[in-house]
Amino acid sequence: MLRWATSVINDATNTMLQVWGVGITQNIDAAATELYLNYRNFSAAITASIAGVAVRLRLTTSTLASAARM
């Protein structure tokens, strides 16, 4: 059971989750440092029944992260 706002989603008939991403690492030998940059995309779709009405929910979000290791 998934809670969406104030409604409860029952009878999910189809679900899909897709995750993809890319990343880059740059080594800097003179400074003994590594720089990282990562991007990830998350996408989900749910076909379900809310209060007896068939609905399809689509959710998408992305993250961008960077870091350095010395």
PDB file of N, CA and C in Angstrom:
ATOM      1  N   MET A   1       0.854  -1.173   0.000  1.00  0.00           N
ATOM      2  CA  MET A   1       0.000   0.000   0.000  1.00  0.00           C
ATOM      3  C   MET A   1       0.897   1.233   0.000  1.00  0.00           C
ATOM      4  N   LEU A   2       0.582   2.176  -0.850  1.00  0.00           N
ATOM      5  CA  LEU A   2       1.323   3.421  -0.968  1.00  0.00           C
ATOM      6  C   LEU A   2       0.403   4.570  -0.596  1.00  0.00           C
ATOM      7  N   ARG A   3       0.856   5.448   0.270  1.00  0.00           N
ATOM      8  CA  ARG A   3       0.038   6.600   0.643  1.00  0.00           C
ATOM      9  C   ARG A   3       0.417   7.770  -0.252  1.00  0.00           C
ATOM     10  N   TRP A   4      -0.573   8.347  -0.885  1.00  0.00           N
ATOM     11  CA  TRP A   4      -0.366   9.473  -1.781  1.00  0.00           C
ATOM     12  C   TRP A   4      -1.235  10.613  -1.291  1.00  0.00           C
ATOM     13  N   ALA A   5      -0.621  11.657  -0.818  1.00  0.00           N
ATOM     14  CA  ALA A   5      -1.340  12.788  -0.219  1.00  0.00           C
ATOM     15  C   ALA A   5      -2.244  12.241   0.883  1.00  0.00           C
ATOM     16  N   THR A   6      -3.543  12.420   0.781  1.00  0.00           N
ATOM     17  CA  THR A   6      -4.433  11.910   1.811  1.00  0.00           C
ATOM     18  C   THR A   6      -5.181  10.666   1.353  1.00  0.00           C
ATOM     19  N   SER A   7      -4.895  10.179   0.122  1.00  0.00           N
ATOM     20  CA  SER A   7      -5.579   8.999  -0.395  1.00  0.00           C
ATOM     21  C   SER A   7      -4.704   7.771  -0.228  1.00  0.00           C
ATOM     22  N   VAL A   8      -5.323   6.622  -0.269  1.00  0.00           N
ATOM     23  CA  VAL A   8      -4.605   5.359  -0.223  1.00  0.00           C
ATOM     24  C   VAL A   8      -4.738   4.695  -1.579  1.00  0.00           C
ATOM     25  N   ILE A   9      -3.615   4.232  -2.123  1.00  0.00           N
ATOM     26  CA  ILE A   9      -3.623   3.579  -3.427  1.00  0.00           C
ATOM     27  C   ILE A   9      -3.697   2.080  -3.196  1.00  0.00           C
ATOM     28  N   ASN A  10      -4.780   1.474  -3.667  1.00  0.00           N
ATOM     29  CA  ASN A  10      -4.958   0.031  -3.595  1.00  0.00           C
ATOM     30  C   ASN A  10      -5.007  -0.524  -5.008  1.00  0.00           C
ATOM     31  N   ASP A  11      -4.887  -1.834  -5.110  1.00  0.00           N
ATOM     32  CA  ASP A  11      -5.060  -2.528  -6.383  1.00  0.00           C
ATOM     33  C   ASP A  11      -4.128  -2.007  -7.473  1.00  0.00           C
ATOM     34  N   ALA A  12      -2.839  -1.901  -7.175  1.00  0.00           N
ATOM     35  CA  ALA A  12      -1.879  -1.511  -8.204  1.00  0.00           C
ATOM     36  C   ALA A  12      -1.834  -2.605  -9.257  1.00  0.00           C
ATOM     37  N   THR A  13      -2.073  -2.240 -10.521  1.00  0.00           N
ATOM     38  CA  THR A  13      -2.099  -3.227 -11.594  1.00  0.00           C
ATOM     39  C   THR A  13      -0.805  -3.246 -12.394  1.00  0.00           C
ATOM     40  N   ASN A  14      -0.025  -2.177 -12.306  1.00  0.00           N
ATOM     41  CA  ASN A  14       1.223  -2.124 -13.051  1.00  0.00           C
ATOM     42  C   ASN A  14       2.153  -1.125 -12.362  1.00  0.00           C
ATOM     43  N   THR A  15       3.416  -1.502 -12.207  1.00  0.00           N
ATOM     44  CA  THR A  15       4.411  -0.586 -11.652  1.00  0.00           C
ATOM     45  C   THR A  15       5.675  -0.654 -12.507  1.00  0.00           C
ATOM     46  N   MET A  16       6.394   0.465 -12.578  1.00  0.00           N
ATOM     47  CA  MET A  16       7.630   0.528 -13.335  1.00  0.00           C
ATOM     48  C   MET A  16       8.569   1.491 -12.616  1.00  0.00           C
ATOM     49  N   LEU A  17       9.833   1.087 -12.464  1.00  0.00           N
ATOM     50  CA  LEU A  17      10.859   1.946 -11.879  1.00  0.00           C
ATOM     51  C   LEU A  17      12.069   1.909 -12.796  1.00  0.00           C
ATOM     52  N   GLN A  18      12.565   3.078 -13.163  1.00  0.00           N
ATOM     53  CA  GLN A  18      13.726   3.169 -14.043  1.00  0.00           C
ATOM     54  C   GLN A  18      14.736   4.112 -13.402  1.00  0.00           C
ATOM     55  N   VAL A  19      15.987   3.656 -13.319  1.00  0.00           N
ATOM     56  CA  VAL A  19      17.075   4.468 -12.771  1.00  0.00           C
ATOM     57  C   VAL A  19      18.233   4.428 -13.763  1.00  0.00           C
ATOM     58  N   TRP A  20      18.776   5.586 -14.095  1.00  0.00           N
ATOM     59  CA  TRP A  20      19.970   5.629 -14.919  1.00  0.00           C
ATOM     60  C   TRP A  20      20.835   6.803 -14.467  1.00  0.00           C
ATOM     61  N   GLY A  21      22.110   6.718 -14.759  1.00  0.00           N
ATOM     62  CA  GLY A  21      23.005   7.781 -14.343  1.00  0.00           C
ATOM     63  C   GLY A  21      24.318   7.757 -15.086  1.00  0.00           C
ATOM     64  N   VAL A  22      25.071   8.819 -14.908  1.00  0.00           N
ATOM     65  CA  VAL A  22      26.411   8.947 -15.481  1.00  0.00           C
ATOM     66  C   VAL A  22      27.313   9.542 -14.420  1.00  0.00           C
ATOM     67  N   GLY A  23      28.591   9.276 -14.538  1.00  0.00           N
ATOM     68  CA  GLY A  23      29.554   9.822 -13.586  1.00  0.00           C
ATOM     69  C   GLY A  23      30.894  10.071 -14.248  1.00  0.00           C
ATOM     70  N   ILE A  24      31.603  11.034 -13.726  1.00  0.00           N
ATOM     71  CA  ILE A  24      32.934  11.391 -14.218  1.00  0.00           C
ATOM     72  C   ILE A  24      33.866  11.498 -13.017  1.00  0.00           C
ATOM     73  N   THR A  25      35.076  10.941 -13.161  1.00  0.00           N
ATOM     74  CA  THR A  25      36.108  11.086 -12.136  1.00  0.00           C
ATOM     75  C   THR A  25      37.336  11.703 -12.786  1.00  0.00           C
ATOM     76  N   GLN A  26      37.881  12.739 -12.158  1.00  0.00           N
ATOM     77  CA  GLN A  26      39.104  13.390 -12.649  1.00  0.00           C
ATOM     78  C   GLN A  26      40.183  13.218 -11.594  1.00  0.00           C
ATOM     79  N   ASN A  27      41.268  12.539 -11.957  1.00  0.00           N
ATOM     80  CA  ASN A  27      42.413  12.388 -11.052  1.00  0.00           C
ATOM     81  C   ASN A  27      43.402  13.523 -11.299  1.00  0.00           C
ATOM     82  N   ILE A  28      43.863  14.132 -10.204  1.00  0.00           N
ATOM     83  CA  ILE A  28      44.885  15.177 -10.280  1.00  0.00           C
ATOM     84  C   ILE A  28      46.071  14.661  -9.468  1.00  0.00           C
ATOM     85  N   ASP A  29      47.041  14.056 -10.157  1.00  0.00           N
ATOM     86  CA  ASP A  29      48.170  13.415  -9.484  1.00  0.00           C
ATOM     87  C   ASP A  29      49.013  14.398  -8.680  1.00  0.00           C
ATOM     88  N   ALA A  30      49.255  15.603  -9.214  1.00  0.00           N
ATOM     89  CA  ALA A  30      50.115  16.575  -8.533  1.00  0.00           C
ATOM     90  C   ALA A  30      49.551  16.973  -7.171  1.00  0.00           C
ATOM     91  N   ALA A  31      48.232  16.939  -7.008  1.00  0.00           N
ATOM     92  CA  ALA A  31      47.604  17.314  -5.742  1.00  0.00           C
ATOM     93  C   ALA A  31      47.080  16.090  -4.986  1.00  0.00           C
ATOM     94  N   ALA A  32      47.317  14.886  -5.523  1.00  0.00           N
ATOM     95  CA  ALA A  32      46.814  13.644  -4.928  1.00  0.00           C
ATOM     96  C   ALA A  32      45.317  13.766  -4.626  1.00  0.00           C
ATOM     97  N   THR A  33      44.564  14.219  -5.638  1.00  0.00           N
ATOM     98  CA  THR A  33      43.145  14.515  -5.464  1.00  0.00           C
ATOM     99  C   THR A  33      42.330  13.845  -6.568  1.00  0.00           C
ATOM    100  N   GLU A  34      41.107  13.445  -6.215  1.00  0.00           N
ATOM    101  CA  GLU A  34      40.146  12.953  -7.192  1.00  0.00           C
ATOM    102  C   GLU A  34      38.888  13.796  -7.092  1.00  0.00           C
ATOM    103  N   LEU A  35      38.372  14.253  -8.218  1.00  0.00           N
ATOM    104  CA  LEU A  35      37.132  15.011  -8.263  1.00  0.00           C
ATOM    105  C   LEU A  35      36.058  14.126  -8.898  1.00  0.00           C
ATOM    106  N   TYR A  36      34.864  14.134  -8.320  1.00  0.00           N
ATOM    107  CA  TYR A  36      33.762  13.304  -8.795  1.00  0.00           C
ATOM    108  C   TYR A  36      32.576  14.190  -9.168  1.00  0.00           C
ATOM    109  N   LEU A  37      31.871  13.807 -10.219  1.00  0.00           N
ATOM    110  CA  LEU A  37      30.615  14.452 -10.604  1.00  0.00           C
ATOM    111  C   LEU A  37      29.674  13.337 -11.052  1.00  0.00           C
ATOM    112  N   ASN A  38      28.513  13.238 -10.422  1.00  0.00           N
ATOM    113  CA  ASN A  38      27.549  12.186 -10.729  1.00  0.00           C
ATOM    114  C   ASN A  38      26.170  12.776 -10.953  1.00  0.00           C
ATOM    115  N   TYR A  39      25.431  12.180 -11.902  1.00  0.00           N
ATOM    116  CA  TYR A  39      24.042  12.553 -12.174  1.00  0.00           C
ATOM    117  C   TYR A  39      23.222  11.282 -12.208  1.00  0.00           C
ATOM    118  N   ARG A  40      22.069  11.280 -11.536  1.00  0.00           N
ATOM    119  CA  ARG A  40      21.158  10.132 -11.566  1.00  0.00           C
ATOM    120  C   ARG A  40      19.745  10.615 -11.812  1.00  0.00           C
ATOM    121  N   ASN A  41      19.007   9.846 -12.594  1.00  0.00           N
ATOM    122  CA  ASN A  41      17.619  10.137 -12.899  1.00  0.00           C
ATOM    123  C   ASN A  41      16.772   8.964 -12.423  1.00  0.00           C
ATOM    124  N   PHE A  42      15.723   9.254 -11.667  1.00  0.00           N
ATOM    125  CA  PHE A  42      14.814   8.240 -11.146  1.00  0.00           C
ATOM    126  C   PHE A  42      13.424   8.524 -11.711  1.00  0.00           C
ATOM    127  N   SER A  43      12.784   7.495 -12.253  1.00  0.00           N
ATOM    128  CA  SER A  43      11.458   7.648 -12.825  1.00  0.00           C
ATOM    129  C   SER A  43      10.608   6.456 -12.418  1.00  0.00           C
ATOM    130  N   ALA A  44       9.373   6.709 -11.980  1.00  0.00           N
ATOM    131  CA  ALA A  44       8.465   5.641 -11.568  1.00  0.00           C
ATOM    132  C   ALA A  44       7.077   5.907 -12.140  1.00  0.00           C
ATOM    133  N   ALA A  45       6.382   4.839 -12.450  1.00  0.00           N
ATOM    134  CA  ALA A  45       5.000   4.941 -12.921  1.00  0.00           C
ATOM    135  C   ALA A  45       4.182   3.867 -12.215  1.00  0.00           C
ATOM    136  N   ILE A  46       3.009   4.233 -11.759  1.00  0.00           N
ATOM    137  CA  ILE A  46       2.113   3.312 -11.057  1.00  0.00           C
ATOM    138  C   ILE A  46       0.726   3.439 -11.675  1.00  0.00           C
ATOM    139  N   THR A  47       0.159   2.317 -12.078  1.00  0.00           N
ATOM    140  CA  THR A  47      -1.234   2.282 -12.502  1.00  0.00           C
ATOM    141  C   THR A  47      -2.006   1.603 -11.376  1.00  0.00           C
ATOM    142  N   ALA A  48      -3.017   2.283 -10.848  1.00  0.00           N
ATOM    143  CA  ALA A  48      -3.712   1.778  -9.664  1.00  0.00           C
ATOM    144  C   ALA A  48      -5.134   2.307  -9.628  1.00  0.00           C
ATOM    145  N   SER A  49      -5.795   1.978  -8.535  1.00  0.00           N
ATOM    146  CA  SER A  49      -7.162   2.427  -8.309  1.00  0.00           C
ATOM    147  C   SER A  49      -7.184   3.301  -7.059  1.00  0.00           C
ATOM    148  N   ILE A  50      -7.696   4.514  -7.191  1.00  0.00           N
ATOM    149  CA  ILE A  50      -7.845   5.414  -6.051  1.00  0.00           C
ATOM    150  C   ILE A  50      -9.334   5.723  -5.927  1.00  0.00           C
ATOM    151  N   ALA A  51      -9.908   5.316  -4.830  1.00  0.00           N
ATOM    152  CA  ALA A  51     -11.339   5.524  -4.580  1.00  0.00           C
ATOM    153  C   ALA A  51     -12.186   4.996  -5.738  1.00  0.00           C
ATOM    154  N   GLY A  52     -11.783   3.854  -6.296  1.00  0.00           N
ATOM    155  CA  GLY A  52     -12.538   3.232  -7.373  1.00  0.00           C
ATOM    156  C   GLY A  52     -12.286   3.789  -8.758  1.00  0.00           C
ATOM    157  N   VAL A  53     -11.380   4.742  -8.885  1.00  0.00           N
ATOM    158  CA  VAL A  53     -11.079   5.354 -10.181  1.00  0.00           C
ATOM    159  C   VAL A  53      -9.678   4.925 -10.603  1.00  0.00           C
ATOM    160  N   ALA A  54      -9.538   4.382 -11.818  1.00  0.00           N
ATOM    161  CA  ALA A  54      -8.229   3.970 -12.328  1.00  0.00           C
ATOM    162  C   ALA A  54      -7.403   5.206 -12.678  1.00  0.00           C
ATOM    163  N   VAL A  55      -6.177   5.255 -12.171  1.00  0.00           N
ATOM    164  CA  VAL A  55      -5.290   6.396 -12.426  1.00  0.00           C
ATOM    165  C   VAL A  55      -3.887   5.885 -12.737  1.00  0.00           C
ATOM    166  N   ARG A  56      -3.121   6.723 -13.415  1.00  0.00           N
ATOM    167  CA  ARG A  56      -1.707   6.437 -13.671  1.00  0.00           C
ATOM    168  C   ARG A  56      -0.895   7.594 -13.109  1.00  0.00           C
ATOM    169  N   LEU A  57      -0.017   7.290 -12.167  1.00  0.00           N
ATOM    170  CA  LEU A  57       0.843   8.291 -11.543  1.00  0.00           C
ATOM    171  C   LEU A  57       2.246   8.170 -12.122  1.00  0.00           C
ATOM    172  N   ARG A  58       2.851   9.304 -12.478  1.00  0.00           N
ATOM    173  CA  ARG A  58       4.209   9.293 -12.990  1.00  0.00           C
ATOM    174  C   ARG A  58       5.036  10.239 -12.143  1.00  0.00           C
ATOM    175  N   LEU A  59       6.140   9.737 -11.609  1.00  0.00           N
ATOM    176  CA  LEU A  59       7.011  10.505 -10.729  1.00  0.00           C
ATOM    177  C   LEU A  59       8.417  10.507 -11.316  1.00  0.00           C
ATOM    178  N   THR A  60       9.058  11.680 -11.362  1.00  0.00           N
ATOM    179  CA  THR A  60      10.421  11.779 -11.873  1.00  0.00           C
ATOM    180  C   THR A  60      11.207  12.729 -10.986  1.00  0.00           C
ATOM    181  N   THR A  61      12.438  12.346 -10.694  1.00  0.00           N
ATOM    182  CA  THR A  61      13.322  13.217  -9.938  1.00  0.00           C
ATOM    183  C   THR A  61      14.761  12.966 -10.380  1.00  0.00           C
ATOM    184  N   SER A  62      15.632  13.912 -10.144  1.00  0.00           N
ATOM    185  CA  SER A  62      17.036  13.802 -10.536  1.00  0.00           C
ATOM    186  C   SER A  62      17.916  14.269  -9.387  1.00  0.00           C
ATOM    187  N   THR A  63      19.143  13.740  -9.356  1.00  0.00           N
ATOM    188  CA  THR A  63      20.113  14.202  -8.372  1.00  0.00           C
ATOM    189  C   THR A  63      21.430  14.508  -9.088  1.00  0.00           C
ATOM    190  N   LEU A  64      22.121  15.519  -8.619  1.00  0.00           N
ATOM    191  CA  LEU A  64      23.429  15.888  -9.118  1.00  0.00           C
ATOM    192  C   LEU A  64      24.338  16.018  -7.905  1.00  0.00           C
ATOM    193  N   ALA A  65      25.458  15.306  -7.916  1.00  0.00           N
ATOM    194  CA  ALA A  65      26.346  15.321  -6.755  1.00  0.00           C
ATOM    195  C   ALA A  65      27.786  15.509  -7.219  1.00  0.00           C
ATOM    196  N   SER A  66      28.565  16.201  -6.413  1.00  0.00           N
ATOM    197  CA  SER A  66      29.993  16.340  -6.685  1.00  0.00           C
ATOM    198  C   SER A  66      30.745  16.179  -5.375  1.00  0.00           C
ATOM    199  N   ALA A  67      31.982  15.742  -5.486  1.00  0.00           N
ATOM    200  CA  ALA A  67      32.799  15.530  -4.289  1.00  0.00           C
ATOM    201  C   ALA A  67      34.262  15.583  -4.686  1.00  0.00           C
ATOM    202  N   ALA A  68      35.105  15.725  -3.688  1.00  0.00           N
ATOM    203  CA  ALA A  68      36.556  15.671  -3.880  1.00  0.00           C
ATOM    204  C   ALA A  68      37.156  14.798  -2.794  1.00  0.00           C
ATOM    205  N   ARG A  69      38.155  14.001  -3.176  1.00  0.00           N
ATOM    206  CA  ARG A  69      38.864  13.177  -2.198  1.00  0.00           C
ATOM    207  C   ARG A  69      40.340  13.525  -2.289  1.00  0.00           C
ATOM    208  N   MET A  70      40.923  13.863  -1.155  1.00  0.00           N
ATOM    209  CA  MET A  70      42.332  14.255  -1.136  1.00  0.00           C
ATOM    210  C   MET A  70      43.128  13.274  -0.336  1.00  0.00           C
TER     211      MET A  70
END
